[in-house]
């Protein structure tokens, strides 16, 4: 897309069969204070990076439910970059939803010299909040002393909310007028985990094994 390989990250939870092994390793889902713990299912958390144009899963891991999506993705990022570069792909653009941005994760992309696009939640950064409140829709902000300036784009959603985008791509001609932003965000939904989430919700997945070795995804 515009000379870059787009890699999207997504995460999901996966209900697992109950056994002493799976319970000890993955833990139970927190069903809330009004539900007894042993009534809650054993669950793991999946994190996946996918080349959205080809559908190739570049990295996938399954970890305990207590580990957050952003932490998992940060642990995978360097490996994904190295793997893609070994295949001759060095112009990479990573796309993330609102659950992923953190200062450290953003800086990790810049340190690895790869581009990124994050959907930003309200309250993430005071400078960004002030920019949005000003009514501006496109600008460049110096958010972190140890990093170059980043671009902010703001546009309305049909729900009446505002979409806030933070990106390392500064060149309007190569990336962003608002239609380009919308197109980039749509790429996220090509990640195969969308189908996994649907299958899990509909109860279409089943497992014949309960030993822990059958559930550990080896990221190579």
N, C-alpha and C. Protein backbone atom coordinates (compact mmCIF):
# COMPACT_ATOMS: atom_id res chain seq x y z
N UNK A 1 0.86 -1.18 0.00
CA UNK A 1 0.00 0.00 0.00
C UNK A 1 0.89 1.23 0.00
N UNK A 2 0.86 2.01 -1.11
CA UNK A 2 1.71 3.20 -1.24
C UNK A 2 3.17 2.88 -0.91
N UNK A 3 3.63 1.70 -1.38
CA UNK A 3 5.02 1.32 -1.22
C UNK A 3 5.38 0.68 0.10
N UNK A 4 4.39 0.43 0.95
CA UNK A 4 4.67 -0.16 2.26
C UNK A 4 3.91 -1.46 2.45
N UNK A 5 4.51 -2.35 3.22
CA UNK A 5 3.86 -3.59 3.62
C UNK A 5 3.10 -3.33 4.92
N UNK A 6 1.80 -3.55 4.92
CA UNK A 6 0.98 -3.24 6.09
C UNK A 6 0.84 -4.47 6.98
N UNK A 7 1.23 -4.31 8.24
CA UNK A 7 1.13 -5.36 9.24
C UNK A 7 0.16 -4.90 10.31
N UNK A 8 -0.91 -5.64 10.53
CA UNK A 8 -1.90 -5.29 11.54
C UNK A 8 -1.81 -6.26 12.71
N UNK A 9 -1.98 -5.73 13.91
CA UNK A 9 -1.99 -6.56 15.11
C UNK A 9 -3.43 -6.66 15.62
N UNK A 10 -3.73 -7.82 16.17
CA UNK A 10 -5.03 -8.00 16.81
C UNK A 10 -4.88 -9.05 17.90
N UNK A 11 -5.79 -9.01 18.85
CA UNK A 11 -5.76 -9.97 19.93
C UNK A 11 -7.15 -10.48 20.22
N UNK A 12 -7.21 -11.61 20.92
CA UNK A 12 -8.48 -12.18 21.30
C UNK A 12 -8.26 -13.10 22.49
N UNK A 13 -9.35 -13.48 23.14
CA UNK A 13 -9.28 -14.51 24.16
C UNK A 13 -9.79 -15.82 23.57
N UNK A 14 -9.28 -16.92 24.09
CA UNK A 14 -9.65 -18.23 23.58
C UNK A 14 -10.01 -19.13 24.76
N UNK A 15 -11.26 -19.61 24.77
CA UNK A 15 -11.69 -20.52 25.83
C UNK A 15 -11.05 -21.89 25.61
N UNK A 16 -10.45 -22.43 26.67
CA UNK A 16 -9.70 -23.68 26.58
C UNK A 16 -10.35 -24.76 27.44
N UNK A 17 -10.12 -26.01 27.11
CA UNK A 17 -10.66 -27.09 27.94
C UNK A 17 -10.02 -27.06 29.32
N UNK A 18 -10.79 -27.46 30.32
CA UNK A 18 -10.29 -27.40 31.69
C UNK A 18 -9.56 -28.68 32.05
N UNK A 19 -8.35 -28.49 32.59
CA UNK A 19 -7.56 -29.58 33.13
C UNK A 19 -6.59 -28.93 34.12
N UNK A 20 -5.97 -29.71 34.99
CA UNK A 20 -4.97 -29.11 35.90
C UNK A 20 -3.88 -28.36 35.15
N UNK A 21 -3.43 -28.92 34.02
CA UNK A 21 -2.38 -28.27 33.23
C UNK A 21 -2.81 -26.92 32.69
N UNK A 22 -3.96 -26.89 31.99
CA UNK A 22 -4.40 -25.63 31.37
C UNK A 22 -4.74 -24.59 32.42
N UNK A 23 -5.36 -25.00 33.53
CA UNK A 23 -5.70 -24.04 34.58
C UNK A 23 -4.46 -23.42 35.19
N UNK A 24 -3.43 -24.27 35.48
CA UNK A 24 -2.21 -23.75 36.10
C UNK A 24 -1.48 -22.78 35.19
N UNK A 25 -1.50 -23.07 33.89
CA UNK A 25 -0.72 -22.23 32.96
C UNK A 25 -1.47 -20.97 32.52
N UNK A 26 -2.73 -21.12 32.13
CA UNK A 26 -3.45 -20.00 31.52
C UNK A 26 -4.31 -19.21 32.50
N UNK A 27 -4.85 -19.85 33.51
CA UNK A 27 -5.70 -19.16 34.47
C UNK A 27 -7.15 -19.09 34.01
N UNK A 28 -7.99 -18.58 34.90
CA UNK A 28 -9.41 -18.45 34.60
C UNK A 28 -9.75 -17.02 34.19
N UNK A 29 -10.77 -16.92 33.36
CA UNK A 29 -11.33 -15.62 33.02
C UNK A 29 -12.01 -15.03 34.25
N UNK A 30 -11.89 -13.73 34.45
CA UNK A 30 -12.54 -13.05 35.57
C UNK A 30 -13.98 -12.73 35.19
N UNK A 31 -14.92 -13.49 35.74
CA UNK A 31 -16.34 -13.31 35.39
C UNK A 31 -17.01 -12.21 36.20
N UNK A 32 -16.31 -11.62 37.16
CA UNK A 32 -16.91 -10.58 37.99
C UNK A 32 -17.07 -11.04 39.42
N UNK A 33 -17.28 -10.08 40.31
CA UNK A 33 -17.28 -10.37 41.74
C UNK A 33 -18.47 -11.20 42.19
N UNK A 34 -19.52 -11.25 41.40
CA UNK A 34 -20.72 -11.99 41.80
C UNK A 34 -20.73 -13.43 41.29
N UNK A 35 -19.62 -13.86 40.68
CA UNK A 35 -19.53 -15.21 40.13
C UNK A 35 -18.37 -15.94 40.80
N UNK A 36 -18.62 -17.15 41.28
CA UNK A 36 -17.56 -17.94 41.89
C UNK A 36 -16.45 -18.22 40.87
N UNK A 37 -15.21 -18.13 41.34
CA UNK A 37 -14.07 -18.26 40.43
C UNK A 37 -14.07 -19.58 39.67
N UNK A 38 -14.43 -20.68 40.37
CA UNK A 38 -14.35 -21.98 39.70
C UNK A 38 -15.45 -22.19 38.68
N UNK A 39 -16.40 -21.24 38.61
CA UNK A 39 -17.43 -21.31 37.57
C UNK A 39 -17.00 -20.62 36.29
N UNK A 40 -15.87 -19.92 36.33
CA UNK A 40 -15.39 -19.19 35.16
C UNK A 40 -14.49 -20.10 34.31
N UNK A 41 -14.51 -19.91 32.99
CA UNK A 41 -13.76 -20.81 32.11
C UNK A 41 -12.25 -20.54 32.13
N UNK A 42 -11.49 -21.57 31.80
CA UNK A 42 -10.06 -21.40 31.56
C UNK A 42 -9.90 -20.69 30.22
N UNK A 43 -9.07 -19.65 30.21
CA UNK A 43 -8.90 -18.86 28.98
C UNK A 43 -7.45 -18.47 28.76
N UNK A 44 -7.07 -18.39 27.50
CA UNK A 44 -5.78 -17.85 27.12
C UNK A 44 -5.99 -16.60 26.28
N UNK A 45 -4.92 -15.85 26.08
CA UNK A 45 -5.00 -14.65 25.24
C UNK A 45 -4.09 -14.83 24.03
N UNK A 46 -4.64 -14.53 22.86
CA UNK A 46 -3.91 -14.67 21.60
C UNK A 46 -3.51 -13.29 21.08
N UNK A 47 -2.30 -13.21 20.55
CA UNK A 47 -1.84 -11.99 19.87
C UNK A 47 -1.27 -12.40 18.53
N UNK A 48 -1.68 -11.66 17.50
CA UNK A 48 -1.32 -12.05 16.14
C UNK A 48 -0.94 -10.82 15.31
N UNK A 49 0.13 -10.95 14.53
CA UNK A 49 0.51 -9.95 13.53
C UNK A 49 0.31 -10.57 12.16
N UNK A 50 -0.40 -9.86 11.28
CA UNK A 50 -0.74 -10.39 9.97
C UNK A 50 -0.41 -9.38 8.88
N UNK A 51 0.18 -9.87 7.79
CA UNK A 51 0.32 -9.08 6.57
C UNK A 51 -1.07 -9.02 5.94
N UNK A 52 -1.71 -7.86 6.00
CA UNK A 52 -3.13 -7.81 5.65
C UNK A 52 -3.39 -7.97 4.16
N UNK A 53 -2.42 -7.69 3.31
CA UNK A 53 -2.66 -7.82 1.88
C UNK A 53 -2.59 -9.27 1.41
N UNK A 54 -1.74 -10.07 2.06
CA UNK A 54 -1.60 -11.47 1.66
C UNK A 54 -2.33 -12.43 2.60
N UNK A 55 -2.65 -11.96 3.82
CA UNK A 55 -3.26 -12.83 4.81
C UNK A 55 -2.26 -13.69 5.56
N UNK A 56 -0.96 -13.50 5.29
CA UNK A 56 0.08 -14.28 5.95
C UNK A 56 0.18 -13.89 7.43
N UNK A 57 0.08 -14.88 8.32
CA UNK A 57 0.29 -14.65 9.74
C UNK A 57 1.79 -14.67 10.01
N UNK A 58 2.32 -13.52 10.39
CA UNK A 58 3.76 -13.38 10.58
C UNK A 58 4.18 -13.84 11.97
N UNK A 59 3.31 -13.62 12.95
CA UNK A 59 3.62 -14.01 14.33
C UNK A 59 2.32 -14.25 15.07
N UNK A 60 2.30 -15.33 15.88
CA UNK A 60 1.13 -15.61 16.71
C UNK A 60 1.60 -16.26 18.00
N UNK A 61 1.06 -15.79 19.13
CA UNK A 61 1.40 -16.36 20.43
C UNK A 61 0.13 -16.54 21.24
N UNK A 62 0.13 -17.54 22.11
CA UNK A 62 -0.96 -17.81 23.04
C UNK A 62 -0.36 -17.82 24.44
N UNK A 63 -0.83 -16.89 25.29
CA UNK A 63 -0.28 -16.71 26.63
C UNK A 63 -1.40 -16.70 27.66
N UNK A 64 -1.07 -16.70 28.95
CA UNK A 64 -2.11 -16.65 29.99
C UNK A 64 -3.02 -15.44 29.85
N UNK A 65 -4.25 -15.59 30.33
CA UNK A 65 -5.25 -14.53 30.21
C UNK A 65 -4.83 -13.26 30.94
N UNK A 66 -3.94 -13.38 31.92
CA UNK A 66 -3.50 -12.22 32.70
C UNK A 66 -2.59 -11.28 31.92
N UNK A 67 -2.04 -11.72 30.79
CA UNK A 67 -1.13 -10.90 30.00
C UNK A 67 -1.94 -10.03 29.04
N UNK A 68 -1.64 -8.74 28.97
CA UNK A 68 -2.39 -7.82 28.12
C UNK A 68 -1.95 -7.86 26.66
N UNK A 69 -2.85 -7.43 25.78
CA UNK A 69 -2.57 -7.44 24.34
C UNK A 69 -1.36 -6.58 24.00
N UNK A 70 -1.28 -5.39 24.60
CA UNK A 70 -0.18 -4.49 24.26
C UNK A 70 1.16 -5.07 24.68
N UNK A 71 1.20 -5.71 25.86
CA UNK A 71 2.44 -6.33 26.32
C UNK A 71 2.86 -7.46 25.39
N UNK A 72 1.88 -8.25 24.94
CA UNK A 72 2.19 -9.34 24.02
C UNK A 72 2.71 -8.80 22.70
N UNK A 73 2.05 -7.79 22.17
CA UNK A 73 2.46 -7.22 20.89
C UNK A 73 3.86 -6.62 20.97
N UNK A 74 4.15 -5.95 22.09
CA UNK A 74 5.48 -5.36 22.23
C UNK A 74 6.56 -6.45 22.25
N UNK A 75 6.25 -7.59 22.87
CA UNK A 75 7.20 -8.68 22.88
C UNK A 75 7.41 -9.31 21.51
N UNK A 76 6.41 -9.20 20.63
CA UNK A 76 6.51 -9.79 19.29
C UNK A 76 7.13 -8.84 18.27
N UNK A 77 7.07 -7.54 18.50
CA UNK A 77 7.36 -6.56 17.46
C UNK A 77 8.74 -6.75 16.84
N UNK A 78 9.78 -6.84 17.63
CA UNK A 78 11.14 -6.94 17.10
C UNK A 78 11.29 -8.18 16.22
N UNK A 79 10.71 -9.30 16.68
CA UNK A 79 10.78 -10.53 15.89
C UNK A 79 10.07 -10.37 14.55
N UNK A 80 8.92 -9.71 14.56
CA UNK A 80 8.18 -9.50 13.32
C UNK A 80 8.99 -8.65 12.35
N UNK A 81 9.58 -7.57 12.85
CA UNK A 81 10.38 -6.69 11.99
C UNK A 81 11.56 -7.47 11.40
N UNK A 82 12.26 -8.23 12.24
CA UNK A 82 13.41 -8.99 11.76
C UNK A 82 12.99 -10.04 10.73
N UNK A 83 11.86 -10.68 10.96
CA UNK A 83 11.38 -11.70 10.03
C UNK A 83 11.03 -11.08 8.68
N UNK A 84 10.31 -9.97 8.69
CA UNK A 84 9.94 -9.31 7.45
C UNK A 84 11.17 -8.80 6.70
N UNK A 85 12.13 -8.26 7.43
CA UNK A 85 13.35 -7.76 6.79
C UNK A 85 14.16 -8.90 6.18
N UNK A 86 14.12 -10.08 6.81
CA UNK A 86 14.83 -11.23 6.25
C UNK A 86 14.22 -11.67 4.93
N UNK A 87 12.97 -11.30 4.69
CA UNK A 87 12.29 -11.60 3.43
C UNK A 87 12.41 -10.45 2.43
N UNK A 88 13.24 -9.46 2.77
CA UNK A 88 13.45 -8.32 1.87
C UNK A 88 12.42 -7.23 1.99
N UNK A 89 11.61 -7.27 3.05
CA UNK A 89 10.57 -6.25 3.25
C UNK A 89 11.03 -5.29 4.34
N UNK A 90 11.48 -4.11 3.95
CA UNK A 90 11.97 -3.17 4.95
C UNK A 90 11.13 -1.91 5.07
N UNK A 91 10.14 -1.75 4.20
CA UNK A 91 9.22 -0.61 4.31
C UNK A 91 7.93 -1.12 4.93
N UNK A 92 7.90 -1.08 6.27
CA UNK A 92 6.81 -1.67 7.02
C UNK A 92 5.95 -0.60 7.68
N UNK A 93 4.66 -0.85 7.73
CA UNK A 93 3.71 0.05 8.38
C UNK A 93 2.81 -0.79 9.28
N UNK A 94 2.89 -0.56 10.58
CA UNK A 94 2.11 -1.30 11.56
C UNK A 94 0.86 -0.52 11.95
N UNK A 95 -0.28 -1.20 12.00
CA UNK A 95 -1.57 -0.57 12.26
C UNK A 95 -2.18 -1.18 13.52
N UNK A 96 -2.65 -0.29 14.44
CA UNK A 96 -3.14 -0.75 15.74
C UNK A 96 -4.45 -0.07 16.13
N UNK A 97 -5.23 -0.80 16.92
CA UNK A 97 -6.47 -0.28 17.47
C UNK A 97 -6.18 0.50 18.76
N UNK A 98 -7.25 0.98 19.42
CA UNK A 98 -7.10 1.87 20.57
C UNK A 98 -6.50 1.19 21.81
N UNK A 99 -6.53 -0.14 21.87
CA UNK A 99 -6.00 -0.80 23.06
C UNK A 99 -4.49 -0.91 23.10
N UNK A 100 -3.81 -0.46 22.06
CA UNK A 100 -2.38 -0.71 21.95
C UNK A 100 -1.45 0.46 22.28
N UNK A 101 -1.83 1.72 22.10
CA UNK A 101 -0.82 2.77 22.26
C UNK A 101 -0.31 2.93 23.69
N UNK A 102 0.99 3.04 23.79
CA UNK A 102 1.68 3.45 25.01
C UNK A 102 2.93 4.17 24.56
N UNK A 103 3.48 4.97 25.42
CA UNK A 103 4.70 5.69 25.06
C UNK A 103 5.79 4.72 24.65
N UNK A 104 6.02 3.68 25.46
CA UNK A 104 7.10 2.75 25.18
C UNK A 104 6.88 2.01 23.87
N UNK A 105 5.64 1.60 23.59
CA UNK A 105 5.38 0.85 22.36
C UNK A 105 5.57 1.73 21.13
N UNK A 106 5.15 2.97 21.21
CA UNK A 106 5.36 3.90 20.10
C UNK A 106 6.86 4.11 19.87
N UNK A 107 7.61 4.33 20.96
CA UNK A 107 9.05 4.54 20.83
C UNK A 107 9.75 3.30 20.28
N UNK A 108 9.22 2.11 20.58
CA UNK A 108 9.82 0.88 20.06
C UNK A 108 9.79 0.86 18.53
N UNK A 109 8.70 1.32 17.95
CA UNK A 109 8.62 1.37 16.48
C UNK A 109 9.66 2.34 15.91
N UNK A 110 9.79 3.48 16.54
CA UNK A 110 10.74 4.47 16.05
C UNK A 110 12.17 3.96 16.18
N UNK A 111 12.47 3.26 17.27
CA UNK A 111 13.81 2.71 17.46
C UNK A 111 14.13 1.65 16.41
N UNK A 112 13.11 0.90 15.98
CA UNK A 112 13.30 -0.13 14.96
C UNK A 112 13.21 0.42 13.54
N UNK A 113 12.93 1.74 13.44
CA UNK A 113 12.84 2.43 12.15
C UNK A 113 11.74 1.85 11.25
N UNK A 114 10.59 1.60 11.87
CA UNK A 114 9.41 1.18 11.11
C UNK A 114 8.27 2.16 11.43
N UNK A 115 7.38 2.33 10.47
CA UNK A 115 6.28 3.27 10.64
C UNK A 115 5.09 2.62 11.35
N UNK A 116 4.26 3.47 11.94
CA UNK A 116 3.13 2.96 12.71
C UNK A 116 1.95 3.92 12.60
N UNK A 117 0.76 3.36 12.78
CA UNK A 117 -0.49 4.12 12.86
C UNK A 117 -1.27 3.57 14.04
N UNK A 118 -1.63 4.43 14.98
CA UNK A 118 -2.40 4.03 16.15
C UNK A 118 -3.72 4.80 16.20
N UNK A 119 -4.81 4.10 16.49
CA UNK A 119 -6.03 4.78 16.93
C UNK A 119 -5.80 5.17 18.39
N UNK A 120 -6.13 6.41 18.73
CA UNK A 120 -5.81 6.94 20.06
C UNK A 120 -7.09 7.16 20.86
N UNK A 121 -7.16 6.62 22.08
CA UNK A 121 -8.33 6.90 22.92
C UNK A 121 -8.23 8.27 23.56
N UNK A 122 -9.38 8.85 23.87
CA UNK A 122 -9.40 10.12 24.59
C UNK A 122 -8.73 9.95 25.94
N UNK A 123 -7.92 10.94 26.32
CA UNK A 123 -7.23 10.89 27.60
C UNK A 123 -5.86 10.23 27.55
N UNK A 124 -5.44 9.77 26.41
CA UNK A 124 -4.14 9.10 26.30
C UNK A 124 -2.99 10.06 26.54
N UNK A 125 -3.11 11.30 26.03
CA UNK A 125 -2.02 12.27 26.10
C UNK A 125 -2.61 13.67 26.16
N UNK A 126 -2.12 14.50 27.08
CA UNK A 126 -2.69 15.84 27.27
C UNK A 126 -2.48 16.73 26.04
N UNK A 127 -1.33 16.61 25.39
CA UNK A 127 -1.10 17.42 24.19
C UNK A 127 -2.08 17.05 23.08
N UNK A 128 -2.33 15.76 22.93
CA UNK A 128 -3.28 15.31 21.91
C UNK A 128 -4.69 15.78 22.25
N UNK A 129 -5.08 15.68 23.52
CA UNK A 129 -6.40 16.13 23.94
C UNK A 129 -6.57 17.62 23.67
N UNK A 130 -5.53 18.41 23.93
CA UNK A 130 -5.60 19.85 23.69
C UNK A 130 -5.71 20.14 22.19
N UNK A 131 -5.00 19.38 21.40
CA UNK A 131 -5.07 19.55 19.95
C UNK A 131 -6.48 19.27 19.45
N UNK A 132 -7.08 18.18 19.91
CA UNK A 132 -8.44 17.83 19.50
C UNK A 132 -9.42 18.90 19.95
N UNK A 133 -9.26 19.40 21.18
CA UNK A 133 -10.17 20.42 21.72
C UNK A 133 -10.07 21.73 20.95
N UNK A 134 -8.94 21.98 20.32
CA UNK A 134 -8.75 23.22 19.58
C UNK A 134 -9.56 23.26 18.29
N UNK A 135 -10.04 22.11 17.85
CA UNK A 135 -10.78 22.04 16.59
C UNK A 135 -9.92 21.75 15.38
N UNK A 136 -8.60 21.65 15.58
CA UNK A 136 -7.71 21.30 14.47
C UNK A 136 -7.93 19.84 14.07
N UNK A 137 -7.72 19.55 12.80
CA UNK A 137 -7.94 18.19 12.33
C UNK A 137 -6.67 17.53 11.77
N UNK A 138 -5.59 18.29 11.62
CA UNK A 138 -4.38 17.72 11.04
C UNK A 138 -3.20 18.54 11.50
N UNK A 139 -2.23 17.90 12.15
CA UNK A 139 -1.09 18.65 12.64
C UNK A 139 0.04 17.73 13.06
N UNK A 140 1.15 18.34 13.45
CA UNK A 140 2.34 17.61 13.88
C UNK A 140 2.68 18.06 15.30
N UNK A 141 2.87 17.09 16.20
CA UNK A 141 3.16 17.38 17.59
C UNK A 141 4.45 16.70 18.03
N UNK A 142 5.20 17.38 18.89
CA UNK A 142 6.39 16.81 19.52
C UNK A 142 5.94 16.28 20.88
N UNK A 143 5.60 15.00 20.93
CA UNK A 143 5.04 14.43 22.16
C UNK A 143 6.12 13.98 23.14
N UNK A 144 7.26 13.52 22.63
CA UNK A 144 8.29 12.94 23.48
C UNK A 144 9.64 13.54 23.15
N UNK A 145 10.38 13.93 24.17
CA UNK A 145 11.69 14.56 23.97
C UNK A 145 12.64 13.65 23.20
N UNK A 146 12.54 12.33 23.43
CA UNK A 146 13.48 11.39 22.85
C UNK A 146 13.05 10.88 21.48
N UNK A 147 12.04 11.49 20.89
CA UNK A 147 11.52 11.00 19.61
C UNK A 147 11.19 12.17 18.69
N UNK A 148 11.20 11.93 17.39
CA UNK A 148 10.78 12.97 16.45
C UNK A 148 9.28 13.27 16.58
N UNK A 149 8.87 14.35 15.95
CA UNK A 149 7.45 14.72 15.97
C UNK A 149 6.61 13.66 15.26
N UNK A 150 5.36 13.58 15.68
CA UNK A 150 4.42 12.62 15.10
C UNK A 150 3.19 13.37 14.59
N UNK A 151 2.51 12.75 13.68
CA UNK A 151 1.36 13.41 13.07
C UNK A 151 0.06 12.99 13.74
N UNK A 152 -0.84 13.95 13.90
CA UNK A 152 -2.18 13.73 14.44
C UNK A 152 -3.21 14.06 13.36
N UNK A 153 -4.15 13.16 13.17
CA UNK A 153 -5.28 13.41 12.27
C UNK A 153 -6.57 13.12 13.04
N UNK A 154 -7.55 14.00 12.87
CA UNK A 154 -8.83 13.86 13.58
C UNK A 154 -9.95 13.95 12.55
N UNK A 155 -10.89 13.02 12.62
CA UNK A 155 -12.04 13.10 11.72
C UNK A 155 -13.26 12.49 12.38
N UNK A 156 -14.46 12.92 11.99
CA UNK A 156 -15.68 12.45 12.64
C UNK A 156 -16.09 11.06 12.19
N UNK A 157 -16.66 10.29 13.10
CA UNK A 157 -17.26 9.01 12.78
C UNK A 157 -18.77 9.18 12.64
N UNK A 158 -19.41 8.22 12.02
CA UNK A 158 -20.86 8.30 11.84
C UNK A 158 -21.59 8.24 13.17
N UNK A 159 -20.94 7.71 14.21
CA UNK A 159 -21.54 7.64 15.54
C UNK A 159 -21.58 8.98 16.24
N UNK A 160 -20.88 9.98 15.66
CA UNK A 160 -20.78 11.28 16.30
C UNK A 160 -19.50 11.45 17.08
N UNK A 161 -18.76 10.37 17.31
CA UNK A 161 -17.48 10.44 17.99
C UNK A 161 -16.40 10.94 17.03
N UNK A 162 -15.26 11.30 17.61
CA UNK A 162 -14.11 11.70 16.80
C UNK A 162 -13.07 10.60 16.78
N UNK A 163 -12.58 10.28 15.61
CA UNK A 163 -11.47 9.33 15.46
C UNK A 163 -10.17 10.11 15.54
N UNK A 164 -9.27 9.66 16.40
CA UNK A 164 -7.97 10.32 16.58
C UNK A 164 -6.89 9.34 16.14
N UNK A 165 -6.05 9.76 15.23
CA UNK A 165 -5.00 8.92 14.66
C UNK A 165 -3.64 9.54 14.96
N UNK A 166 -2.73 8.70 15.44
CA UNK A 166 -1.34 9.10 15.65
C UNK A 166 -0.47 8.26 14.72
N UNK A 167 0.41 8.90 13.96
CA UNK A 167 1.23 8.17 13.00
C UNK A 167 2.62 8.79 12.87
N UNK A 168 3.56 7.94 12.52
CA UNK A 168 4.92 8.40 12.23
C UNK A 168 5.05 8.91 10.81
N UNK A 169 4.04 8.68 9.97
CA UNK A 169 4.08 9.13 8.57
C UNK A 169 3.65 10.59 8.50
N UNK A 170 4.55 11.43 8.03
CA UNK A 170 4.28 12.86 8.02
C UNK A 170 3.93 13.40 6.65
N UNK A 171 4.23 12.68 5.60
CA UNK A 171 4.06 13.18 4.23
C UNK A 171 2.63 12.98 3.77
N UNK A 172 1.89 14.07 3.60
CA UNK A 172 0.49 13.98 3.18
C UNK A 172 0.34 13.30 1.82
N UNK A 173 1.28 13.56 0.94
CA UNK A 173 1.17 13.00 -0.40
C UNK A 173 1.28 11.48 -0.37
N UNK A 174 2.09 10.94 0.55
CA UNK A 174 2.28 9.50 0.63
C UNK A 174 1.22 8.82 1.48
N UNK A 175 0.59 9.59 2.36
CA UNK A 175 -0.35 8.91 3.24
C UNK A 175 -1.70 9.59 3.29
N UNK A 176 -1.77 10.68 4.01
CA UNK A 176 -3.02 10.97 4.67
C UNK A 176 -3.72 12.24 4.20
N UNK A 177 -4.68 12.05 3.37
CA UNK A 177 -5.86 12.86 3.51
C UNK A 177 -6.84 11.92 4.20
N UNK A 178 -7.97 12.39 4.62
CA UNK A 178 -8.79 11.59 5.50
C UNK A 178 -9.25 10.28 4.88
N UNK A 179 -9.43 10.25 3.57
CA UNK A 179 -9.83 8.99 2.94
C UNK A 179 -8.72 7.95 3.07
N UNK A 180 -7.46 8.41 3.08
CA UNK A 180 -6.35 7.49 3.28
C UNK A 180 -6.34 6.91 4.68
N UNK A 181 -6.68 7.72 5.68
CA UNK A 181 -6.75 7.24 7.05
C UNK A 181 -7.82 6.17 7.18
N UNK A 182 -8.99 6.44 6.64
CA UNK A 182 -10.09 5.48 6.72
C UNK A 182 -9.70 4.16 6.07
N UNK A 183 -9.06 4.24 4.93
CA UNK A 183 -8.65 3.03 4.23
C UNK A 183 -7.64 2.22 5.05
N UNK A 184 -6.70 2.91 5.67
CA UNK A 184 -5.71 2.24 6.50
C UNK A 184 -6.37 1.50 7.66
N UNK A 185 -7.33 2.14 8.31
CA UNK A 185 -7.98 1.52 9.45
C UNK A 185 -8.79 0.30 9.03
N UNK A 186 -9.34 0.34 7.84
CA UNK A 186 -10.12 -0.81 7.36
C UNK A 186 -9.23 -2.04 7.19
N UNK A 187 -7.95 -1.84 6.90
CA UNK A 187 -7.05 -2.97 6.73
C UNK A 187 -6.99 -3.84 7.98
N UNK A 188 -7.17 -3.23 9.17
CA UNK A 188 -7.09 -3.99 10.41
C UNK A 188 -8.05 -5.17 10.43
N UNK A 189 -9.18 -4.99 9.78
CA UNK A 189 -10.22 -6.00 9.89
C UNK A 189 -10.02 -7.15 8.91
N UNK A 190 -8.88 -7.18 8.24
CA UNK A 190 -8.53 -8.33 7.41
C UNK A 190 -7.78 -9.39 8.21
N UNK A 191 -7.49 -9.10 9.49
CA UNK A 191 -6.73 -10.04 10.31
C UNK A 191 -7.56 -11.29 10.57
N UNK A 192 -6.99 -12.50 10.39
CA UNK A 192 -7.75 -13.74 10.57
C UNK A 192 -8.37 -13.90 11.94
N UNK A 193 -7.88 -13.20 12.97
CA UNK A 193 -8.46 -13.34 14.30
C UNK A 193 -9.92 -12.90 14.34
N UNK A 194 -10.35 -12.09 13.38
CA UNK A 194 -11.76 -11.73 13.32
C UNK A 194 -12.61 -12.99 13.19
N UNK A 195 -12.17 -13.93 12.34
CA UNK A 195 -12.89 -15.19 12.18
C UNK A 195 -12.78 -16.05 13.43
N UNK A 196 -11.61 -16.02 14.09
CA UNK A 196 -11.44 -16.80 15.31
C UNK A 196 -12.38 -16.30 16.39
N UNK A 197 -12.48 -14.96 16.54
CA UNK A 197 -13.38 -14.41 17.54
C UNK A 197 -14.82 -14.85 17.27
N UNK A 198 -15.20 -14.81 16.00
CA UNK A 198 -16.57 -15.19 15.64
C UNK A 198 -16.82 -16.66 15.97
N UNK A 199 -15.86 -17.52 15.64
CA UNK A 199 -16.01 -18.95 15.91
C UNK A 199 -16.09 -19.23 17.40
N UNK A 200 -15.28 -18.50 18.18
CA UNK A 200 -15.29 -18.70 19.62
C UNK A 200 -16.63 -18.28 20.21
N UNK A 201 -17.14 -17.16 19.77
CA UNK A 201 -18.41 -16.67 20.29
C UNK A 201 -19.56 -17.60 19.95
N UNK A 202 -19.49 -18.22 18.78
CA UNK A 202 -20.56 -19.10 18.35
C UNK A 202 -20.38 -20.53 18.84
N UNK A 203 -19.31 -20.77 19.59
CA UNK A 203 -19.08 -22.10 20.14
C UNK A 203 -18.69 -23.14 19.10
N UNK A 204 -18.09 -22.73 18.00
CA UNK A 204 -17.77 -23.66 16.92
C UNK A 204 -16.41 -24.33 17.10
N UNK A 205 -15.63 -23.88 18.11
CA UNK A 205 -14.32 -24.46 18.29
C UNK A 205 -14.37 -25.53 19.37
N UNK A 206 -13.67 -26.63 19.17
CA UNK A 206 -13.58 -27.67 20.18
C UNK A 206 -12.17 -28.21 20.19
N UNK A 207 -11.78 -28.86 21.30
CA UNK A 207 -10.43 -29.36 21.46
C UNK A 207 -10.50 -30.81 21.91
N UNK A 208 -9.61 -31.63 21.36
CA UNK A 208 -9.58 -33.04 21.73
C UNK A 208 -8.48 -33.33 22.74
N UNK A 209 -7.60 -32.34 22.99
CA UNK A 209 -6.48 -32.54 23.90
C UNK A 209 -6.56 -31.55 25.05
N UNK A 210 -6.01 -31.95 26.19
CA UNK A 210 -6.03 -31.09 27.37
C UNK A 210 -4.63 -30.89 27.97
N UNK A 211 -3.61 -31.48 27.37
CA UNK A 211 -2.25 -31.29 27.85
C UNK A 211 -1.73 -29.94 27.38
N UNK A 212 -0.93 -29.29 28.22
CA UNK A 212 -0.49 -27.92 27.95
C UNK A 212 0.31 -27.81 26.67
N UNK A 213 1.10 -28.85 26.31
CA UNK A 213 1.94 -28.78 25.11
C UNK A 213 1.11 -28.61 23.83
N UNK A 214 -0.14 -29.01 23.85
CA UNK A 214 -0.96 -28.89 22.66
C UNK A 214 -1.46 -27.45 22.42
N UNK A 215 -1.29 -26.58 23.43
CA UNK A 215 -1.83 -25.24 23.33
C UNK A 215 -0.77 -24.16 23.24
N UNK A 216 0.49 -24.50 23.47
CA UNK A 216 1.54 -23.50 23.40
C UNK A 216 1.94 -23.28 21.96
N UNK A 217 1.71 -22.04 21.47
CA UNK A 217 2.08 -21.69 20.10
C UNK A 217 3.55 -21.32 20.07
N UNK A 218 4.30 -21.99 19.28
CA UNK A 218 5.73 -21.71 19.15
C UNK A 218 5.94 -20.70 18.05
N UNK A 219 6.38 -19.50 18.41
CA UNK A 219 6.59 -18.43 17.43
C UNK A 219 7.97 -18.57 16.84
N UNK A 220 8.04 -18.90 15.54
CA UNK A 220 9.34 -19.11 14.89
C UNK A 220 9.56 -18.09 13.81
